[in-house]
Amino acid sequence: MTSILAIDPGLSGAVCRLTNGIPELRRDFKTLPDIARAIKDLSADVTHAVIELVHAMPGQGVCSMFSFGRAAGVADGALALSLPQLIVESVTPQKWQNWFRARYGIVKGQQFNSRELALQIFPDKADFFRRVKDHNSADAVLLAHWKAEQLAGT
């Protein structure tokens, strides 16, 4: 059984466990410990873990980037404590999104709509992706799906 834990870091991010193609999700974090609890709660029987590699973006304020960095650090720490036996893969958004672009024929200039794509792949999980702010949930689910496809060699 393959079980993948994927994390889109941040308070507005999400944690997804994908087991045999079925996603389980935690999101809408209020505090940093909520992120750590979600990782701990979903880490049972996980065989692989992946976290989106994030960095500062032009135009983001110092305070918001510091807060975001703290949230990413909490996720890294929770992973290290919850899954000490695993090597956690850090992957850039460009890497996993380019894989989806190639796989689903999304041209380079076209906006990458993670909610739309996640709905296409997981139509029975529409509640995960109904709100505009659910792009982070979609990112976590797609990141887990990307990792599953990499492990399957497709």
Protein backbone atom coordinates (compact mmCIF):
# COMPACT_ATOMS: atom_id res chain seq x y z
CA MET A 1 0.00 0.00 0.00
CA THR A 2 1.33 3.41 -0.97
CA SER A 3 0.44 6.34 1.24
CA ILE A 4 1.78 9.79 0.41
CA LEU A 5 1.75 12.86 2.60
CA ALA A 6 1.87 16.13 0.65
CA ILE A 7 2.06 19.60 2.14
CA ASP A 8 1.31 23.00 0.69
CA PRO A 9 2.84 25.08 3.53
CA GLY A 10 1.29 28.05 5.29
CA LEU A 11 -1.71 28.83 7.46
CA SER A 12 -3.77 29.02 4.28
CA GLY A 13 -2.10 25.85 3.00
CA ALA A 14 -3.20 22.24 3.29
CA VAL A 15 -1.98 18.77 4.21
CA CYS A 16 -3.10 15.81 2.11
CA ARG A 17 -2.64 12.09 2.59
CA LEU A 18 -3.24 10.12 -0.59
CA THR A 19 -3.72 6.42 0.02
CA ASN A 20 -4.40 4.19 -2.98
CA GLY A 21 -5.65 7.19 -4.94
CA ILE A 22 -8.02 8.46 -2.24
CA PRO A 23 -7.19 11.89 -0.77
CA GLU A 24 -7.76 12.87 2.85
CA LEU A 25 -7.29 16.56 3.60
CA ARG A 26 -6.71 18.97 6.47
CA ARG A 27 -6.86 22.73 5.88
CA ASP A 28 -8.18 26.06 7.18
CA PHE A 29 -5.52 26.28 9.86
CA LYS A 30 -6.02 28.92 12.55
CA THR A 31 -2.67 28.53 14.32
CA LEU A 32 0.78 27.10 13.62
CA PRO A 33 0.19 24.13 15.95
CA ASP A 34 -2.84 23.24 13.80
CA ILE A 35 -0.44 22.56 10.91
CA ALA A 36 1.70 20.29 13.09
CA ARG A 37 -1.38 18.42 14.36
CA ALA A 38 -2.64 17.88 10.80
CA ILE A 39 0.70 16.41 9.78
CA LYS A 40 0.77 14.17 12.85
CA ASP A 41 -2.86 13.07 12.35
CA LEU A 42 -2.32 12.15 8.70
CA SER A 43 1.14 10.58 9.02
CA ALA A 44 0.07 7.06 10.02
CA ASP A 45 1.36 4.46 7.54
CA VAL A 46 2.82 7.10 5.22
CA THR A 47 5.42 5.63 2.87
CA HIS A 48 6.47 8.87 1.10
CA ALA A 49 6.34 12.57 1.95
CA VAL A 50 6.63 15.64 -0.24
CA ILE A 51 6.46 19.33 0.59
CA GLU A 52 6.23 22.24 -1.79
CA LEU A 53 9.48 24.20 -1.78
CA VAL A 54 8.52 27.80 -1.17
CA HIS A 55 10.42 31.08 -1.15
CA ALA A 56 9.88 34.81 -0.94
CA MET A 57 8.17 36.50 -3.86
CA PRO A 58 8.68 40.07 -5.06
CA GLY A 59 6.14 42.44 -3.58
CA GLN A 60 5.43 40.39 -0.48
CA GLY A 61 5.85 42.25 2.76
CA VAL A 62 8.54 41.37 5.27
CA CYS A 63 6.03 40.51 8.00
CA SER A 64 3.92 38.28 5.78
CA MET A 65 7.00 36.44 4.48
CA PHE A 66 8.29 35.95 8.02
CA SER A 67 4.92 34.50 9.06
CA PHE A 68 4.84 32.26 5.99
CA GLY A 69 8.40 31.11 6.68
CA ARG A 70 7.45 30.23 10.26
CA ALA A 71 4.53 28.14 8.97
CA ALA A 72 6.82 26.33 6.52
CA GLY A 73 9.28 25.71 9.36
CA VAL A 74 6.52 24.25 11.53
CA ALA A 75 5.64 21.88 8.69
CA ASP A 76 9.29 20.83 8.30
CA GLY A 77 9.62 20.22 12.04
CA ALA A 78 6.37 18.28 12.27
CA LEU A 79 7.47 16.10 9.35
CA ALA A 80 10.81 15.39 11.01
CA LEU A 81 9.09 14.36 14.24
CA SER A 82 6.15 12.48 12.73
CA LEU A 83 8.07 10.68 9.97
CA PRO A 84 11.71 10.47 11.11
CA GLN A 85 12.33 7.36 8.99
CA LEU A 86 11.41 9.07 5.71
CA ILE A 87 13.37 11.36 3.47
CA VAL A 88 11.02 14.21 2.69
CA GLU A 89 11.18 15.42 -0.89
CA SER A 90 10.99 19.18 -1.45
CA VAL A 91 9.68 20.10 -4.88
CA THR A 92 9.18 23.44 -6.57
CA PRO A 93 5.74 24.37 -7.87
CA GLN A 94 7.25 24.65 -11.37
CA LYS A 95 8.40 21.03 -11.33
CA TRP A 96 5.10 19.41 -10.41
CA GLN A 97 2.99 21.92 -12.35
CA ASN A 98 5.07 21.41 -15.52
CA TRP A 99 4.44 17.67 -15.21
CA PHE A 100 0.68 18.35 -15.15
CA ARG A 101 1.01 20.82 -18.02
CA ALA A 102 2.67 18.14 -20.15
CA ARG A 103 0.27 15.40 -19.04
CA TYR A 104 -2.95 17.38 -19.53
CA GLY A 105 -1.94 19.62 -22.45
CA ILE A 106 -1.90 22.90 -20.54
CA VAL A 107 0.19 25.27 -22.65
CA LYS A 108 2.92 27.38 -21.05
CA GLY A 109 1.10 30.71 -21.43
CA GLN A 110 -2.18 29.36 -20.07
CA GLN A 111 -2.89 29.92 -16.37
CA PHE A 112 -2.46 26.83 -14.22
CA ASN A 113 -5.79 26.39 -12.45
CA SER A 114 -5.16 23.84 -9.71
CA ARG A 115 -8.78 23.80 -8.52
CA GLU A 116 -10.08 23.02 -11.99
CA LEU A 117 -7.49 20.30 -12.55
CA ALA A 118 -8.06 18.73 -9.12
CA LEU A 119 -11.82 18.62 -9.85
CA GLN A 120 -11.08 16.88 -13.14
CA ILE A 121 -8.90 14.24 -11.48
CA PHE A 122 -10.94 13.86 -8.27
CA PRO A 123 -14.55 14.72 -9.23
CA ASP A 124 -15.93 12.93 -6.16
CA LYS A 125 -13.98 15.32 -3.90
CA ALA A 126 -15.58 18.51 -5.25
CA ASP A 127 -16.14 19.81 -1.69
CA PHE A 128 -12.37 20.10 -1.29
CA PHE A 129 -12.17 22.60 -4.16
CA ARG A 130 -15.42 24.61 -4.22
CA ARG A 131 -14.13 27.87 -2.68
CA VAL A 132 -11.76 30.28 -4.44
CA LYS A 133 -9.32 29.96 -1.54
CA ASP A 134 -9.24 26.18 -2.01
CA HIS A 135 -6.43 26.49 -4.55
CA ASN A 136 -4.09 25.56 -1.69
CA SER A 137 -6.10 22.41 -1.01
CA ALA A 138 -5.97 21.60 -4.71
CA ASP A 139 -2.20 22.16 -4.71
CA ALA A 140 -1.70 19.70 -1.85
CA VAL A 141 -3.89 17.05 -3.49
CA LEU A 142 -2.21 17.53 -6.88
CA LEU A 143 1.23 17.39 -5.27
CA ALA A 144 0.33 14.03 -3.69
CA HIS A 145 -1.07 12.80 -7.02
CA TRP A 146 2.12 13.94 -8.80
CA LYS A 147 4.24 11.96 -6.34
CA ALA A 148 2.04 8.88 -6.75
CA GLU A 149 2.46 9.08 -10.53
CA GLN A 150 6.23 9.48 -10.14
CA LEU A 151 6.36 6.36 -7.97
CA ALA A 152 4.24 4.48 -10.52
CA GLY A 153 6.67 5.52 -13.25
CA THR A 154 4.10 7.35 -15.37
